[in-house]
Amino acid sequence: MDLRRRVVAEVDRGSPPAEVARRFQVTERTIWNWLALRKETGQITPRQGDVGPECVLEPHRERIFKSVQDDPGLTLAQRQRQLGLPGCATTLWNALRRWGITLKKSAQSC
């Protein structure tokens, strides 16, 4: 945090971002990102939490939960095809993991 403050303060004092980038050993793009963040939020503190896009499977969440409960023995690829979900089996795996669902094979199904 201290580095961000010093870098932004130096730019505010009128030093060119390219010179400040060399002096503090950060990229010029990083300086522009910090300045944009300050303009947007009024602060230069790092953003908190997930800032990525919403999972493409979020609209299908309830159907996926029901499918897992009704037929837990399906593979990811089978479940993805059966429900006609967008993405691939890895997309489904990542969504299930994010939602806290683990798929364990029972001793009977082995």
N, C-alpha and C. Protein backbone atom coordinates (compact mmCIF):
# COMPACT_ATOMS: atom_id res chain seq x y z
N MET A 1 0.83 -1.18 0.00
CA MET A 1 0.00 0.00 0.00
C MET A 1 0.87 1.25 0.00
N ASP A 2 1.98 1.20 0.74
CA ASP A 2 2.86 2.35 0.81
C ASP A 2 3.43 2.69 -0.56
N LEU A 3 3.77 1.66 -1.34
CA LEU A 3 4.31 1.88 -2.68
C LEU A 3 3.29 2.59 -3.55
N ARG A 4 2.06 2.16 -3.49
CA ARG A 4 1.00 2.82 -4.28
C ARG A 4 0.91 4.30 -3.92
N ARG A 5 0.91 4.58 -2.63
CA ARG A 5 0.80 5.99 -2.19
C ARG A 5 1.97 6.82 -2.71
N ARG A 6 3.18 6.29 -2.57
CA ARG A 6 4.36 7.03 -3.01
C ARG A 6 4.36 7.25 -4.53
N VAL A 7 3.99 6.23 -5.27
CA VAL A 7 3.97 6.34 -6.73
C VAL A 7 2.93 7.37 -7.17
N VAL A 8 1.72 7.25 -6.65
CA VAL A 8 0.64 8.18 -7.04
C VAL A 8 0.98 9.60 -6.60
N ALA A 9 1.55 9.76 -5.43
CA ALA A 9 1.94 11.09 -4.95
C ALA A 9 2.98 11.71 -5.87
N GLU A 10 3.91 10.91 -6.34
CA GLU A 10 4.96 11.40 -7.24
C GLU A 10 4.36 11.87 -8.57
N VAL A 11 3.41 11.11 -9.08
CA VAL A 11 2.74 11.51 -10.32
C VAL A 11 1.92 12.79 -10.08
N ASP A 12 1.27 12.87 -8.92
CA ASP A 12 0.50 14.07 -8.58
C ASP A 12 1.38 15.31 -8.49
N ARG A 13 2.64 15.12 -8.11
CA ARG A 13 3.57 16.26 -8.02
C ARG A 13 4.06 16.69 -9.39
N GLY A 14 3.68 15.95 -10.44
CA GLY A 14 4.01 16.36 -11.78
C GLY A 14 5.07 15.55 -12.49
N SER A 15 5.60 14.52 -11.85
CA SER A 15 6.60 13.68 -12.51
C SER A 15 5.93 12.85 -13.59
N PRO A 16 6.58 12.67 -14.73
CA PRO A 16 6.01 11.84 -15.80
C PRO A 16 5.90 10.38 -15.35
N PRO A 17 4.77 9.74 -15.66
CA PRO A 17 4.59 8.33 -15.26
C PRO A 17 5.71 7.40 -15.71
N ALA A 18 6.29 7.64 -16.89
CA ALA A 18 7.38 6.77 -17.36
C ALA A 18 8.59 6.88 -16.43
N GLU A 19 8.89 8.09 -16.00
CA GLU A 19 10.02 8.31 -15.09
C GLU A 19 9.73 7.68 -13.72
N VAL A 20 8.52 7.87 -13.23
CA VAL A 20 8.12 7.31 -11.93
C VAL A 20 8.17 5.78 -12.00
N ALA A 21 7.75 5.22 -13.12
CA ALA A 21 7.77 3.77 -13.29
C ALA A 21 9.19 3.24 -13.18
N ARG A 22 10.13 3.90 -13.83
CA ARG A 22 11.53 3.46 -13.75
C ARG A 22 12.07 3.60 -12.32
N ARG A 23 11.75 4.72 -11.69
CA ARG A 23 12.27 4.98 -10.35
C ARG A 23 11.77 3.96 -9.33
N PHE A 24 10.49 3.62 -9.41
CA PHE A 24 9.91 2.70 -8.41
C PHE A 24 9.85 1.24 -8.90
N GLN A 25 10.35 1.00 -10.10
CA GLN A 25 10.41 -0.35 -10.66
C GLN A 25 9.03 -1.00 -10.76
N VAL A 26 8.08 -0.24 -11.29
CA VAL A 26 6.76 -0.77 -11.62
C VAL A 26 6.52 -0.43 -13.08
N THR A 27 5.53 -1.06 -13.67
CA THR A 27 5.24 -0.74 -15.06
C THR A 27 4.41 0.54 -15.14
N GLU A 28 4.55 1.20 -16.26
CA GLU A 28 3.76 2.41 -16.47
C GLU A 28 2.27 2.08 -16.47
N ARG A 29 1.92 0.91 -17.01
CA ARG A 29 0.53 0.46 -17.04
C ARG A 29 -0.03 0.33 -15.62
N THR A 30 0.79 -0.14 -14.70
CA THR A 30 0.37 -0.26 -13.31
C THR A 30 0.02 1.11 -12.75
N ILE A 31 0.85 2.09 -13.06
CA ILE A 31 0.58 3.46 -12.57
C ILE A 31 -0.74 3.95 -13.13
N TRP A 32 -0.96 3.76 -14.43
CA TRP A 32 -2.23 4.20 -15.03
C TRP A 32 -3.41 3.45 -14.41
N ASN A 33 -3.25 2.18 -14.10
CA ASN A 33 -4.33 1.41 -13.44
C ASN A 33 -4.64 1.98 -12.06
N TRP A 34 -3.60 2.32 -11.29
CA TRP A 34 -3.82 2.89 -9.96
C TRP A 34 -4.50 4.25 -10.05
N LEU A 35 -4.13 5.05 -11.03
CA LEU A 35 -4.76 6.36 -11.21
C LEU A 35 -6.22 6.20 -11.62
N ALA A 36 -6.49 5.23 -12.49
CA ALA A 36 -7.87 4.97 -12.90
C ALA A 36 -8.70 4.47 -11.72
N LEU A 37 -8.11 3.61 -10.90
CA LEU A 37 -8.80 3.10 -9.72
C LEU A 37 -9.15 4.25 -8.78
N ARG A 38 -8.21 5.16 -8.57
CA ARG A 38 -8.48 6.31 -7.70
C ARG A 38 -9.58 7.18 -8.27
N LYS A 39 -9.58 7.38 -9.58
CA LYS A 39 -10.62 8.19 -10.21
C LYS A 39 -12.00 7.53 -10.06
N GLU A 40 -12.01 6.21 -10.18
CA GLU A 40 -13.26 5.45 -10.11
C GLU A 40 -13.81 5.33 -8.69
N THR A 41 -12.91 5.03 -7.72
CA THR A 41 -13.37 4.73 -6.36
C THR A 41 -13.00 5.78 -5.33
N GLY A 42 -12.07 6.66 -5.70
CA GLY A 42 -11.61 7.65 -4.74
C GLY A 42 -10.49 7.13 -3.84
N GLN A 43 -10.08 5.88 -4.06
CA GLN A 43 -9.03 5.26 -3.24
C GLN A 43 -8.08 4.50 -4.15
N ILE A 44 -6.92 4.16 -3.61
CA ILE A 44 -5.99 3.32 -4.37
C ILE A 44 -5.80 1.96 -3.72
N THR A 45 -6.65 1.63 -2.77
CA THR A 45 -6.57 0.31 -2.13
C THR A 45 -7.01 -0.75 -3.13
N PRO A 46 -6.44 -1.96 -3.04
CA PRO A 46 -6.80 -3.03 -3.97
C PRO A 46 -8.29 -3.37 -3.86
N ARG A 47 -8.84 -3.77 -4.98
CA ARG A 47 -10.25 -4.21 -4.98
C ARG A 47 -10.37 -5.49 -4.15
N GLN A 48 -11.52 -5.69 -3.55
CA GLN A 48 -11.75 -6.87 -2.72
C GLN A 48 -12.65 -7.85 -3.44
N GLY A 49 -12.43 -9.12 -3.17
CA GLY A 49 -13.31 -10.17 -3.66
C GLY A 49 -13.13 -10.48 -5.14
N ASP A 50 -14.03 -11.31 -5.65
CA ASP A 50 -13.98 -11.71 -7.05
C ASP A 50 -14.42 -10.54 -7.92
N VAL A 51 -13.61 -10.21 -8.87
CA VAL A 51 -13.97 -9.14 -9.79
C VAL A 51 -14.13 -9.68 -11.20
N GLY A 52 -14.05 -10.98 -11.34
CA GLY A 52 -14.19 -11.59 -12.66
C GLY A 52 -15.64 -11.69 -13.09
N PRO A 53 -15.85 -12.22 -14.27
CA PRO A 53 -17.21 -12.34 -14.79
C PRO A 53 -18.01 -13.40 -14.04
N GLU A 54 -19.31 -13.29 -14.12
CA GLU A 54 -20.19 -14.28 -13.50
C GLU A 54 -20.05 -15.60 -14.23
N CYS A 55 -20.18 -16.68 -13.51
CA CYS A 55 -20.10 -18.01 -14.09
C CYS A 55 -21.21 -18.19 -15.13
N VAL A 56 -20.85 -18.75 -16.31
CA VAL A 56 -21.85 -18.94 -17.37
C VAL A 56 -22.91 -19.96 -16.96
N LEU A 57 -22.63 -20.75 -15.94
CA LEU A 57 -23.60 -21.76 -15.50
C LEU A 57 -24.51 -21.26 -14.39
N GLU A 58 -24.31 -20.04 -13.93
CA GLU A 58 -25.14 -19.49 -12.84
C GLU A 58 -26.65 -19.58 -13.15
N PRO A 59 -27.10 -19.26 -14.38
CA PRO A 59 -28.53 -19.38 -14.67
C PRO A 59 -29.05 -20.82 -14.60
N HIS A 60 -28.16 -21.79 -14.66
CA HIS A 60 -28.55 -23.21 -14.66
C HIS A 60 -28.32 -23.87 -13.30
N ARG A 61 -28.00 -23.09 -12.31
CA ARG A 61 -27.58 -23.61 -11.00
C ARG A 61 -28.59 -24.58 -10.39
N GLU A 62 -29.86 -24.20 -10.34
CA GLU A 62 -30.88 -25.06 -9.72
C GLU A 62 -31.03 -26.38 -10.47
N ARG A 63 -31.00 -26.33 -11.80
CA ARG A 63 -31.09 -27.56 -12.59
C ARG A 63 -29.90 -28.47 -12.32
N ILE A 64 -28.73 -27.88 -12.19
CA ILE A 64 -27.53 -28.67 -11.91
C ILE A 64 -27.62 -29.30 -10.53
N PHE A 65 -28.05 -28.53 -9.52
CA PHE A 65 -28.21 -29.08 -8.17
C PHE A 65 -29.17 -30.25 -8.17
N LYS A 66 -30.31 -30.09 -8.85
CA LYS A 66 -31.31 -31.16 -8.91
C LYS A 66 -30.74 -32.38 -9.60
N SER A 67 -29.99 -32.19 -10.66
CA SER A 67 -29.39 -33.30 -11.39
C SER A 67 -28.39 -34.06 -10.51
N VAL A 68 -27.61 -33.33 -9.74
CA VAL A 68 -26.63 -33.98 -8.85
C VAL A 68 -27.35 -34.80 -7.78
N GLN A 69 -28.45 -34.27 -7.26
CA GLN A 69 -29.21 -35.00 -6.23
C GLN A 69 -29.89 -36.23 -6.83
N ASP A 70 -30.49 -36.06 -8.01
CA ASP A 70 -31.26 -37.14 -8.62
C ASP A 70 -30.38 -38.26 -9.16
N ASP A 71 -29.23 -37.91 -9.73
CA ASP A 71 -28.37 -38.92 -10.35
C ASP A 71 -26.90 -38.58 -10.07
N PRO A 72 -26.43 -38.87 -8.86
CA PRO A 72 -25.06 -38.49 -8.50
C PRO A 72 -23.98 -39.29 -9.21
N GLY A 73 -24.33 -40.37 -9.90
CA GLY A 73 -23.33 -41.21 -10.54
C GLY A 73 -22.88 -40.75 -11.92
N LEU A 74 -23.51 -39.71 -12.47
CA LEU A 74 -23.13 -39.25 -13.80
C LEU A 74 -21.74 -38.61 -13.78
N THR A 75 -21.02 -38.78 -14.87
CA THR A 75 -19.75 -38.07 -15.00
C THR A 75 -20.05 -36.62 -15.36
N LEU A 76 -19.05 -35.79 -15.28
CA LEU A 76 -19.23 -34.38 -15.62
C LEU A 76 -19.65 -34.23 -17.08
N ALA A 77 -19.01 -34.96 -17.96
CA ALA A 77 -19.34 -34.86 -19.39
C ALA A 77 -20.77 -35.33 -19.65
N GLN A 78 -21.18 -36.43 -19.00
CA GLN A 78 -22.55 -36.92 -19.16
C GLN A 78 -23.56 -35.90 -18.66
N ARG A 79 -23.28 -35.32 -17.50
CA ARG A 79 -24.20 -34.34 -16.92
C ARG A 79 -24.29 -33.10 -17.82
N GLN A 80 -23.15 -32.68 -18.34
CA GLN A 80 -23.11 -31.50 -19.19
C GLN A 80 -23.94 -31.73 -20.46
N ARG A 81 -23.78 -32.91 -21.07
CA ARG A 81 -24.55 -33.24 -22.28
C ARG A 81 -26.04 -33.39 -21.96
N GLN A 82 -26.35 -34.08 -20.86
CA GLN A 82 -27.73 -34.34 -20.49
C GLN A 82 -28.50 -33.04 -20.26
N LEU A 83 -27.87 -32.08 -19.62
CA LEU A 83 -28.54 -30.82 -19.31
C LEU A 83 -28.39 -29.78 -20.42
N GLY A 84 -27.56 -30.08 -21.42
CA GLY A 84 -27.33 -29.13 -22.50
C GLY A 84 -26.70 -27.83 -22.03
N LEU A 85 -25.70 -27.97 -21.17
CA LEU A 85 -25.07 -26.79 -20.56
C LEU A 85 -24.03 -26.18 -21.49
N PRO A 86 -23.86 -24.86 -21.42
CA PRO A 86 -22.79 -24.24 -22.20
C PRO A 86 -21.43 -24.56 -21.58
N GLY A 87 -20.39 -24.45 -22.37
CA GLY A 87 -19.05 -24.71 -21.86
C GLY A 87 -18.69 -26.17 -21.98
N CYS A 88 -17.70 -26.57 -21.22
CA CYS A 88 -17.21 -27.95 -21.26
C CYS A 88 -17.28 -28.55 -19.86
N ALA A 89 -16.78 -29.76 -19.74
CA ALA A 89 -16.83 -30.44 -18.44
C ALA A 89 -16.03 -29.68 -17.38
N THR A 90 -14.94 -29.03 -17.79
CA THR A 90 -14.13 -28.25 -16.84
C THR A 90 -14.92 -27.05 -16.32
N THR A 91 -15.72 -26.44 -17.17
CA THR A 91 -16.57 -25.33 -16.74
C THR A 91 -17.54 -25.80 -15.66
N LEU A 92 -18.13 -26.96 -15.87
CA LEU A 92 -19.05 -27.53 -14.89
C LEU A 92 -18.30 -27.87 -13.60
N TRP A 93 -17.11 -28.45 -13.71
CA TRP A 93 -16.32 -28.79 -12.54
C TRP A 93 -16.01 -27.54 -11.71
N ASN A 94 -15.57 -26.47 -12.38
CA ASN A 94 -15.24 -25.23 -11.67
C ASN A 94 -16.46 -24.63 -10.98
N ALA A 95 -17.61 -24.69 -11.64
CA ALA A 95 -18.84 -24.15 -11.05
C ALA A 95 -19.24 -24.96 -9.82
N LEU A 96 -19.19 -26.28 -9.92
CA LEU A 96 -19.55 -27.14 -8.78
C LEU A 96 -18.61 -26.88 -7.60
N ARG A 97 -17.34 -26.75 -7.89
CA ARG A 97 -16.37 -26.48 -6.83
C ARG A 97 -16.65 -25.13 -6.18
N ARG A 98 -16.95 -24.10 -6.99
CA ARG A 98 -17.26 -22.77 -6.46
C ARG A 98 -18.51 -22.81 -5.57
N TRP A 99 -19.47 -23.65 -5.94
CA TRP A 99 -20.71 -23.77 -5.17
C TRP A 99 -20.58 -24.72 -3.99
N GLY A 100 -19.43 -25.35 -3.83
CA GLY A 100 -19.21 -26.23 -2.68
C GLY A 100 -19.74 -27.64 -2.85
N ILE A 101 -19.95 -28.07 -4.08
CA ILE A 101 -20.47 -29.41 -4.34
C ILE A 101 -19.32 -30.31 -4.77
N THR A 102 -19.15 -31.42 -4.08
CA THR A 102 -18.13 -32.39 -4.48
C THR A 102 -18.84 -33.63 -4.99
N LEU A 103 -18.29 -34.21 -6.03
CA LEU A 103 -18.86 -35.43 -6.61
C LEU A 103 -17.95 -36.59 -6.26
N LYS A 104 -18.40 -37.43 -5.37
CA LYS A 104 -17.62 -38.59 -4.92
C LYS A 104 -18.33 -39.85 -5.40
N LYS A 105 -17.56 -40.74 -5.92
CA LYS A 105 -18.13 -42.04 -6.32
C LYS A 105 -18.31 -42.89 -5.07
N SER A 106 -19.44 -43.55 -4.99
CA SER A 106 -19.68 -44.46 -3.88
C SER A 106 -19.01 -45.79 -4.18
N ALA A 107 -18.84 -46.61 -3.18
CA ALA A 107 -18.23 -47.92 -3.35
C ALA A 107 -19.07 -48.79 -4.27
N GLN A 108 -20.39 -48.58 -4.29
CA GLN A 108 -21.28 -49.38 -5.13
C GLN A 108 -21.09 -49.10 -6.60
N SER A 109 -20.78 -47.86 -6.94
CA SER A 109 -20.68 -47.48 -8.34
C SER A 109 -19.33 -47.79 -8.94
N CYS A 110 -18.37 -48.21 -8.13
CA CYS A 110 -17.01 -48.52 -8.65
C CYS A 110 -16.95 -49.89 -9.25
